[in-house]
C-alpha atoms as a PDB file:
ATOM      1  CA  MET A   1     151.083-262.636 -26.938  1.00  0.00           C
ATOM      2  CA  GLY A   2     150.601-261.988 -30.274  1.00  0.00           C
ATOM      3  CA  GLU A   3     147.576-259.801 -31.964  1.00  0.00           C
ATOM      4  CA  LEU A   4     146.122-259.383 -35.452  1.00  0.00           C
ATOM      5  CA  TYR A   5     145.611-255.832 -36.637  1.00  0.00           C
ATOM      6  CA  PHE A   6     143.411-254.627 -39.592  1.00  0.00           C
ATOM      7  CA  ILE A   7     144.755-251.239 -40.814  1.00  0.00           C
ATOM      8  CA  GLY A   8     142.857-248.889 -42.914  1.00  0.00           C
ATOM      9  CA  MET A   9     145.800-246.792 -44.617  1.00  0.00           C
ATOM     10  CA  GLY A  10     143.253-244.439 -46.259  1.00  0.00           C
ATOM     11  CA  LEU A  11     143.437-243.769 -50.428  1.00  0.00           C
ATOM     12  CA  SER A  12     146.584-241.988 -50.182  1.00  0.00           C
ATOM     13  CA  ARG A  13     149.612-241.376 -48.041  1.00  0.00           C
ATOM     14  CA  SER A  14     148.153-237.883 -47.219  1.00  0.00           C
ATOM     15  CA  LEU A  15     144.834-239.657 -45.616  1.00  0.00           C
ATOM     16  CA  MET A  16     146.531-242.073 -43.389  1.00  0.00           C
ATOM     17  CA  THR A  17     146.123-241.865 -39.831  1.00  0.00           C
ATOM     18  CA  ASN A  18     148.981-241.388 -37.282  1.00  0.00           C
ATOM     19  CA  LYS A  19     147.411-244.346 -35.503  1.00  0.00           C
ATOM     20  CA  ALA A  20     147.813-246.509 -38.598  1.00  0.00           C
ATOM     21  CA  LEU A  21     151.596-245.281 -39.242  1.00  0.00           C
ATOM     22  CA  ASP A  22     152.242-246.132 -35.585  1.00  0.00           C
ATOM     23  CA  ILE A  23     151.067-249.880 -35.821  1.00  0.00           C
ATOM     24  CA  ILE A  24     152.399-250.262 -38.848  1.00  0.00           C
ATOM     25  CA  ARG A  25     156.275-248.825 -37.939  1.00  0.00           C
ATOM     26  CA  LYS A  26     155.868-251.184 -34.449  1.00  0.00           C
ATOM     27  CA  ALA A  27     154.427-254.535 -36.198  1.00  0.00           C
ATOM     28  CA  ASP A  28     156.341-257.512 -36.463  1.00  0.00           C
ATOM     29  CA  VAL A  29     154.721-258.417 -39.953  1.00  0.00           C
ATOM     30  CA  ILE A  30     152.646-256.658 -42.211  1.00  0.00           C
ATOM     31  CA  ILE A  31     150.515-258.250 -44.674  1.00  0.00           C
ATOM     32  CA  TYR A  32     149.674-255.735 -47.861  1.00  0.00           C
ATOM     33  CA  ASP A  33     146.818-256.478 -49.340  1.00  0.00           C
ATOM     34  CA  THR A  34     147.800-255.948 -52.921  1.00  0.00           C
ATOM     35  CA  TYR A  35     144.052-257.705 -53.846  1.00  0.00           C
ATOM     36  CA  THR A  36     141.074-255.480 -52.627  1.00  0.00           C
ATOM     37  CA  SER A  37     142.251-252.005 -53.387  1.00  0.00           C
ATOM     38  CA  PHE A  38     144.703-250.241 -55.129  1.00  0.00           C
ATOM     39  CA  SER A  39     146.416-246.514 -54.484  1.00  0.00           C
ATOM     40  CA  CYS A  40     148.189-243.991 -56.401  1.00  0.00           C
ATOM     41  CA  ASP A  41     151.185-243.678 -54.098  1.00  0.00           C
ATOM     42  CA  ILE A  42     150.480-246.200 -51.253  1.00  0.00           C
ATOM     43  CA  SER A  43     152.545-249.451 -52.899  1.00  0.00           C
ATOM     44  CA  PRO A  44     154.523-252.394 -51.048  1.00  0.00           C
ATOM     45  CA  ASP A  45     157.817-250.369 -51.241  1.00  0.00           C
ATOM     46  CA  TYR A  46     156.249-247.167 -49.326  1.00  0.00           C
ATOM     47  CA  VAL A  47     155.051-249.392 -46.739  1.00  0.00           C
ATOM     48  CA  ARG A  48     158.578-251.207 -46.043  1.00  0.00           C
ATOM     49  CA  SER A  49     159.930-247.683 -45.765  1.00  0.00           C
ATOM     50  CA  LEU A  50     157.774-247.206 -42.677  1.00  0.00           C
ATOM     51  CA  THR A  51     158.759-250.795 -40.772  1.00  0.00           C
ATOM     52  CA  SER A  52     161.546-252.551 -40.233  1.00  0.00           C
ATOM     53  CA  GLY A  53     159.015-255.459 -39.705  1.00  0.00           C
ATOM     54  CA  LYS A  54     158.699-258.047 -42.702  1.00  0.00           C
ATOM     55  CA  VAL A  55     156.508-256.949 -44.981  1.00  0.00           C
ATOM     56  CA  ILE A  56     153.932-259.774 -47.281  1.00  0.00           C
ATOM     57  CA  GLU A  57     152.314-258.897 -50.594  1.00  0.00           C
ATOM     58  CA  ALA A  58     149.179-260.472 -50.266  1.00  0.00           C
ATOM     59  CA  ASN A  59     147.250-261.726 -53.043  1.00  0.00           C
ATOM     60  CA  ARG A  60     143.675-263.058 -53.467  1.00  0.00           C
ATOM     61  CA  ASP A  61     144.877-267.023 -52.130  1.00  0.00           C
ATOM     62  CA  LEU A  62     146.795-265.601 -49.183  1.00  0.00           C
ATOM     63  CA  LEU A  63     143.745-263.432 -47.707  1.00  0.00           C
ATOM     64  CA  GLU A  64     140.800-266.132 -48.700  1.00  0.00           C
ATOM     65  CA  ASN A  65     142.091-269.808 -48.810  1.00  0.00           C
ATOM     66  CA  ARG A  66     145.587-269.190 -46.695  1.00  0.00           C
ATOM     67  CA  SER A  67     143.948-266.936 -43.879  1.00  0.00           C
ATOM     68  CA  ALA A  68     144.279-269.553 -41.710  1.00  0.00           C
ATOM     69  CA  GLU A  69     148.513-269.132 -41.854  1.00  0.00           C
ATOM     70  CA  VAL A  70     148.152-265.553 -40.924  1.00  0.00           C
ATOM     71  CA  ILE A  71     145.683-266.415 -37.814  1.00  0.00           C
ATOM     72  CA  SER A  72     148.064-268.786 -36.801  1.00  0.00           C
ATOM     73  CA  LEU A  73     151.323-266.291 -37.099  1.00  0.00           C
ATOM     74  CA  ALA A  74     149.305-263.486 -34.826  1.00  0.00           C
ATOM     75  CA  LYS A  75     149.058-265.821 -32.151  1.00  0.00           C
ATOM     76  CA  GLU A  76     152.765-264.954 -31.312  1.00  0.00           C
ATOM     77  CA  LYS A  77     153.632-261.630 -33.637  1.00  0.00           C
ATOM     78  CA  ALA A  78     151.865-258.619 -34.008  1.00  0.00           C
ATOM     79  CA  VAL A  79     150.756-259.049 -37.315  1.00  0.00           C
ATOM     80  CA  VAL A  80     149.214-256.114 -39.376  1.00  0.00           C
ATOM     81  CA  VAL A  81     146.463-256.918 -42.629  1.00  0.00           C
ATOM     82  CA  ALA A  82     147.037-253.197 -43.988  1.00  0.00           C
ATOM     83  CA  THR A  83     144.717-252.365 -47.024  1.00  0.00           C
ATOM     84  CA  VAL A  84     144.260-249.020 -48.994  1.00  0.00           C
ATOM     85  CA  GLY A  85     141.332-247.084 -47.861  1.00  0.00           C
ATOM     86  CA  ASP A  86     139.057-249.038 -44.878  1.00  0.00           C
ATOM     87  CA  PRO A  87     140.151-252.536 -43.662  1.00  0.00           C
ATOM     88  CA  MET A  88     136.353-253.689 -43.223  1.00  0.00           C
ATOM     89  CA  ILE A  89     134.954-252.372 -46.688  1.00  0.00           C
ATOM     90  CA  ALA A  90     136.179-256.154 -48.067  1.00  0.00           C
ATOM     91  CA  THR A  91     134.029-259.080 -46.455  1.00  0.00           C
ATOM     92  CA  THR A  92     137.590-261.097 -46.883  1.00  0.00           C
ATOM     93  CA  HIS A  93     138.822-259.180 -44.110  1.00  0.00           C
ATOM     94  CA  VAL A  94     135.561-259.428 -42.103  1.00  0.00           C
ATOM     95  CA  SER A  95     135.796-263.264 -42.408  1.00  0.00           C
ATOM     96  CA  MET A  96     139.642-263.444 -41.239  1.00  0.00           C
ATOM     97  CA  ALA A  97     138.435-261.207 -38.265  1.00  0.00           C
ATOM     98  CA  ILE A  98     135.922-263.704 -37.242  1.00  0.00           C
ATOM     99  CA  GLU A  99     137.729-266.653 -37.670  1.00  0.00           C
ATOM    100  CA  ALA A 100     140.793-265.098 -35.906  1.00  0.00           C
ATOM    101  CA  ARG A 101     138.646-264.168 -32.583  1.00  0.00           C
ATOM    102  CA  LYS A 102     137.186-267.828 -32.647  1.00  0.00           C
ATOM    103  CA  ALA A 103     140.734-269.293 -32.586  1.00  0.00           C
ATOM    104  CA  GLY A 104     141.606-266.766 -29.573  1.00  0.00           C
ATOM    105  CA  VAL A 105     143.389-264.312 -30.994  1.00  0.00           C
ATOM    106  CA  LYS A 106     143.002-260.512 -30.128  1.00  0.00           C
ATOM    107  CA  VAL A 107     141.744-258.328 -33.060  1.00  0.00           C
ATOM    108  CA  SER A 108     141.871-254.788 -33.805  1.00  0.00           C
ATOM    109  CA  VAL A 109     140.333-252.545 -36.289  1.00  0.00           C
ATOM    110  CA  VAL A 110     142.222-249.366 -37.248  1.00  0.00           C
ATOM    111  CA  PRO A 111     139.375-247.475 -39.816  1.00  0.00           C
ATOM    112  CA  GLY A 112     140.788-245.410 -42.561  1.00  0.00           C
ATOM    113  CA  VAL A 113     139.135-243.278 -45.272  1.00  0.00           C
ATOM    114  CA  SER A 114     137.571-245.498 -47.713  1.00  0.00           C
ATOM    115  CA  VAL A 115     136.573-244.974 -51.288  1.00  0.00           C
ATOM    116  CA  HIS A 116     132.935-245.090 -50.606  1.00  0.00           C
ATOM    117  CA  CYS A 117     132.601-242.744 -48.130  1.00  0.00           C
ATOM    118  CA  TYR A 118     135.185-240.107 -49.847  1.00  0.00           C
ATOM    119  CA  LEU A 119     133.170-240.215 -52.844  1.00  0.00           C
ATOM    120  CA  ILE A 120     129.563-239.705 -51.156  1.00  0.00           C
ATOM    121  CA  SER A 121     131.199-236.286 -49.447  1.00  0.00           C
ATOM    122  CA  LYS A 122     133.132-235.342 -52.261  1.00  0.00           C
ATOM    123  CA  SER A 123     129.807-235.533 -54.376  1.00  0.00           C
ATOM    124  CA  MET A 124     127.596-233.506 -51.381  1.00  0.00           C
ATOM    125  CA  LEU A 125     124.779-236.081 -52.160  1.00  0.00           C
ATOM    126  CA  SER A 126     122.772-236.898 -48.876  1.00  0.00           C
ATOM    127  CA  SER A 127     124.491-239.572 -47.395  1.00  0.00           C
ATOM    128  CA  TYR A 128     121.737-241.009 -46.197  1.00  0.00           C
ATOM    129  CA  LYS A 129     120.158-241.451 -49.448  1.00  0.00           C
ATOM    130  CA  PHE A 130     122.405-244.353 -50.695  1.00  0.00           C
ATOM    131  CA  GLY A 131     121.454-248.074 -51.227  1.00  0.00           C
ATOM    132  CA  LYS A 132     122.979-251.215 -51.916  1.00  0.00           C
ATOM    133  CA  SER A 133     126.413-250.343 -54.166  1.00  0.00           C
ATOM    134  CA  VAL A 134     127.392-252.967 -56.787  1.00  0.00           C
ATOM    135  CA  THR A 135     130.594-253.722 -59.500  1.00  0.00           C
ATOM    136  CA  ILE A 136     129.628-253.901 -62.429  1.00  0.00           C
ATOM    137  CA  VAL A 137     131.946-256.569 -64.031  1.00  0.00           C
ATOM    138  CA  TYR A 138     133.499-257.182 -67.637  1.00  0.00           C
ATOM    139  CA  PRO A 139     131.606-259.630 -69.378  1.00  0.00           C
ATOM    140  CA  SER A 140     132.862-263.459 -69.281  1.00  0.00           C
ATOM    141  CA  TYR A 141     132.477-265.864 -71.975  1.00  0.00           C
ATOM    142  CA  GLY A 142     130.083-263.978 -73.375  1.00  0.00           C
ATOM    143  CA  ILE A 143     127.660-263.180 -70.412  1.00  0.00           C
ATOM    144  CA  MET A 144     127.238-260.262 -69.508  1.00  0.00           C
ATOM    145  CA  ASP A 145     126.154-259.800 -65.614  1.00  0.00           C
ATOM    146  CA  THR A 146     123.223-257.646 -64.972  1.00  0.00           C
ATOM    147  CA  ALA A 147     123.057-257.308 -61.356  1.00  0.00           C
ATOM    148  CA  PRO A 148     124.192-253.634 -61.749  1.00  0.00           C
ATOM    149  CA  TYR A 149     120.932-253.318 -63.174  1.00  0.00           C
ATOM    150  CA  SER A 150     119.151-254.363 -61.066  1.00  0.00           C
ATOM    151  CA  VAL A 151     120.118-252.879 -58.233  1.00  0.00           C
ATOM    152  CA  ILE A 152     119.937-249.762 -59.872  1.00  0.00           C
ATOM    153  CA  LYS A 153     116.388-250.397 -60.794  1.00  0.00           C
ATOM    154  CA  SER A 154     115.595-251.447 -56.753  1.00  0.00           C
ATOM    155  CA  ASN A 155     117.155-248.469 -55.340  1.00  0.00           C
ATOM    156  CA  ARG A 156     115.315-245.868 -57.822  1.00  0.00           C
ATOM    157  CA  SER A 157     112.502-247.728 -56.349  1.00  0.00           C
ATOM    158  CA  LEU A 158     113.147-246.463 -53.043  1.00  0.00           C
ATOM    159  CA  ASP A 159     114.627-242.899 -54.345  1.00  0.00           C
ATOM    160  CA  ILE A 160     117.996-243.808 -53.231  1.00  0.00           C
ATOM    161  CA  HIS A 161     121.038-243.586 -54.989  1.00  0.00           C
ATOM    162  CA  THR A 162     123.900-246.360 -56.182  1.00  0.00           C
ATOM    163  CA  ILE A 163     127.387-246.454 -56.141  1.00  0.00           C
ATOM    164  CA  LEU A 164     129.104-248.855 -58.649  1.00  0.00           C
ATOM    165  CA  TYR A 165     132.244-250.115 -58.392  1.00  0.00           C
ATOM    166  CA  LEU A 166     134.451-250.902 -61.778  1.00  0.00           C
ATOM    167  CA  ASP A 167     135.894-254.135 -62.135  1.00  0.00           C
ATOM    168  CA  ILE A 168     139.541-254.958 -62.504  1.00  0.00           C
ATOM    169  CA  ARG A 169     140.911-258.169 -64.842  1.00  0.00           C
ATOM    170  CA  GLU A 170     143.741-259.275 -64.692  1.00  0.00           C
ATOM    171  CA  GLY A 171     145.224-255.995 -63.828  1.00  0.00           C
ATOM    172  CA  LYS A 172     143.003-253.823 -66.135  1.00  0.00           C
ATOM    173  CA  PHE A 173     140.993-251.196 -64.226  1.00  0.00           C
ATOM    174  CA  MET A 174     137.392-250.272 -66.339  1.00  0.00           C
ATOM    175  CA  THR A 175     136.787-247.195 -67.218  1.00  0.00           C
ATOM    176  CA  PRO A 176     134.131-245.206 -66.895  1.00  0.00           C
ATOM    177  CA  ASN A 177     133.411-245.146 -70.644  1.00  0.00           C
ATOM    178  CA  GLU A 178     133.506-249.012 -70.714  1.00  0.00           C
ATOM    179  CA  ALA A 179     131.080-249.109 -67.519  1.00  0.00           C
ATOM    180  CA  VAL A 180     128.303-247.090 -69.380  1.00  0.00           C
ATOM    181  CA  SER A 181     128.640-248.924 -72.189  1.00  0.00           C
ATOM    182  CA  LEU A 182     128.010-251.663 -70.400  1.00  0.00           C
ATOM    183  CA  LEU A 183     124.877-250.272 -68.812  1.00  0.00           C
ATOM    184  CA  LEU A 184     123.421-249.093 -72.106  1.00  0.00           C
ATOM    185  CA  GLN A 185     123.715-252.499 -73.167  1.00  0.00           C
ATOM    186  CA  MET A 186     122.179-254.117 -70.120  1.00  0.00           C
ATOM    187  CA  GLU A 187     119.274-251.585 -70.835  1.00  0.00           C
ATOM    188  CA  ASP A 188     119.155-253.173 -74.462  1.00  0.00           C
ATOM    189  CA  MET A 189     119.046-256.397 -72.850  1.00  0.00           C
ATOM    190  CA  ARG A 190     115.976-256.032 -70.509  1.00  0.00           C
ATOM    191  CA  LYS A 191     114.294-253.456 -71.793  1.00  0.00           C
ATOM    192  CA  GLU A 192     112.977-251.970 -68.229  1.00  0.00           C
ATOM    193  CA  ASN A 193     113.389-248.416 -68.761  1.00  0.00           C
ATOM    194  CA  VAL A 194     115.820-248.072 -66.233  1.00  0.00           C
ATOM    195  CA  ILE A 195     118.850-246.362 -67.532  1.00  0.00           C
ATOM    196  CA  LYS A 196     118.510-243.543 -70.340  1.00  0.00           C
ATOM    197  CA  GLU A 197     121.134-241.850 -71.986  1.00  0.00           C
ATOM    198  CA  ASP A 198     120.192-238.664 -70.385  1.00  0.00           C
ATOM    199  CA  ASP A 199     120.726-239.694 -66.929  1.00  0.00           C
ATOM    200  CA  VAL A 200     123.347-237.964 -64.911  1.00  0.00           C
ATOM    201  CA  ILE A 201     126.284-239.691 -63.154  1.00  0.00           C
ATOM    202  CA  VAL A 202     128.592-238.870 -60.720  1.00  0.00           C
ATOM    203  CA  VAL A 203     132.352-240.086 -61.324  1.00  0.00           C
ATOM    204  CA  GLY A 204     135.338-240.049 -58.786  1.00  0.00           C
ATOM    205  CA  SER A 205     138.686-240.546 -60.814  1.00  0.00           C
ATOM    206  CA  ARG A 206     141.841-241.259 -58.710  1.00  0.00           C
ATOM    207  CA  LEU A 207     140.179-240.438 -55.399  1.00  0.00           C
ATOM    208  CA  GLY A 208     142.487-239.152 -52.619  1.00  0.00           C
ATOM    209  CA  CYS A 209     145.157-237.979 -55.100  1.00  0.00           C
ATOM    210  CA  GLU A 210     146.783-234.898 -56.025  1.00  0.00           C
ATOM    211  CA  ASP A 211     145.187-235.453 -59.480  1.00  0.00           C
ATOM    212  CA  GLU A 212     141.891-236.134 -58.328  1.00  0.00           C
ATOM    213  CA  ALA A 213     138.490-235.177 -60.387  1.00  0.00           C
ATOM    214  CA  VAL A 214     134.892-235.512 -59.514  1.00  0.00           C
ATOM    215  CA  VAL A 215     132.872-234.495 -62.259  1.00  0.00           C
ATOM    216  CA  SER A 216     128.923-234.855 -62.989  1.00  0.00           C
ATOM    217  CA  LEU A 217     127.643-235.510 -66.764  1.00  0.00           C
ATOM    218  CA  SER A 218     124.794-237.553 -68.853  1.00  0.00           C
ATOM    219  CA  LEU A 219     125.449-241.181 -69.989  1.00  0.00           C
ATOM    220  CA  SER A 220     125.680-239.699 -73.813  1.00  0.00           C
ATOM    221  CA  GLU A 221     128.374-237.716 -72.719  1.00  0.00           C
ATOM    222  CA  ALA A 222     130.548-240.048 -70.281  1.00  0.00           C
ATOM    223  CA  LYS A 223     130.577-242.061 -73.498  1.00  0.00           C
ATOM    224  CA  LYS A 224     133.569-240.103 -74.884  1.00  0.00           C
ATOM    225  CA  TYR A 225     134.715-238.127 -72.216  1.00  0.00           C
ATOM    226  CA  ASP A 226     138.281-238.463 -71.220  1.00  0.00           C
ATOM    227  CA  PHE A 227     138.339-239.374 -67.206  1.00  0.00           C
ATOM    228  CA  GLY A 228     142.078-239.794 -67.164  1.00  0.00           C
ATOM    229  CA  LYS A 229     144.254-242.375 -64.972  1.00  0.00           C
ATOM    230  CA  PRO A 230     142.455-245.242 -62.771  1.00  0.00           C
ATOM    231  CA  PRO A 231     141.398-245.996 -60.159  1.00  0.00           C
ATOM    232  CA  HIS A 232     137.428-244.873 -61.233  1.00  0.00           C
ATOM    233  CA  ILE A 233     133.987-245.212 -59.067  1.00  0.00           C
ATOM    234  CA  LEU A 234     130.059-244.224 -60.408  1.00  0.00           C
ATOM    235  CA  ILE A 235     127.130-243.124 -58.305  1.00  0.00           C
ATOM    236  CA  PHE A 236     124.112-243.626 -60.551  1.00  0.00           C
ATOM    237  CA  PRO A 237     121.850-240.862 -58.868  1.00  0.00           C
ATOM    238  CA  SER A 238     118.213-241.419 -58.024  1.00  0.00           C
ATOM    239  CA  ASN A 239     115.741-238.569 -57.952  1.00  0.00           C
ATOM    240  CA  LEU A 240     117.691-235.764 -56.528  1.00  0.00           C
ATOM    241  CA  HIS A 241     116.413-232.725 -53.480  1.00  0.00           C
ATOM    242  CA  TYR A 242     117.020-229.474 -54.769  1.00  0.00           C
ATOM    243  CA  MET A 243     120.153-228.915 -53.033  1.00  0.00           C
ATOM    244  CA  GLU A 244     121.892-232.168 -54.337  1.00  0.00           C
ATOM    245  CA  ALA A 245     120.841-230.333 -57.741  1.00  0.00           C
ATOM    246  CA  ASP A 246     122.792-227.443 -57.276  1.00  0.00           C
ATOM    247  CA  ALA A 247     125.593-229.281 -55.441  1.00  0.00           C
ATOM    248  CA  LEU A 248     126.088-231.217 -58.827  1.00  0.00           C
ATOM    249  CA  LYS A 249     126.015-228.033 -60.985  1.00  0.00           C
ATOM    250  CA  TRP A 250     129.203-227.678 -59.431  1.00  0.00           C
ATOM    251  CA  MET A 251     130.929-230.223 -61.152  1.00  0.00           C
ATOM    252  CA  THR A 252     129.712-230.704 -64.709  1.00  0.00           C
ATOM    253  CA  THR A 253     131.902-231.047 -67.215  1.00  0.00           C
ATOM    254  CA  LYS A 254     130.467-227.786 -69.011  1.00  0.00           C
END
């Protein structure tokens, strides 16, 4: 009897749980998700070093369009879908888990440390004051997606913070500098006085890695700041409680 495991490996090797390691070591097949996440030191080769099972590097096509193949395999074998961070942050994995259960396959989920919860903890902003998150994407065919602007506006109207994920396009990671430039361009387009150059943001860089950094600075400062190697993630805060404001003082760039 097989089983389909969705394993969160955390953001780096040091954050991987013993339970995740145990299941990976015993699995027949490990499908390593190369599509939805990235780590500084977890790689397909690292996963291969943990197990004698077959390791398959999965792209978007396998995870979304050919998920039935994975589910069919899990009817007879112990199959792991392993991802950096937490497995159920990605709706791709949620969809596969639902389809597997419909097909009568046993499904187990092992949570991992996600960039979402890690950033909130590191920022020391109040966890209950976060609203909908959104991804800033590169313009396509000259068209800019202003969804991040709308989400920030909506969240700020409710006095809650916004987490901003940054696009990865053909292996290129969007930088915080590019993200800030796009946000300011959105303001120029929409002119609803939502985003201003003196607004403060929080930027997390290479979270979970030895060289991680979390800084707080204004948009104008962020345009020229060197944030180092990717990946990066942003928080666009709403109004700050005095304790939150004090917390951010410890991570300013000055």
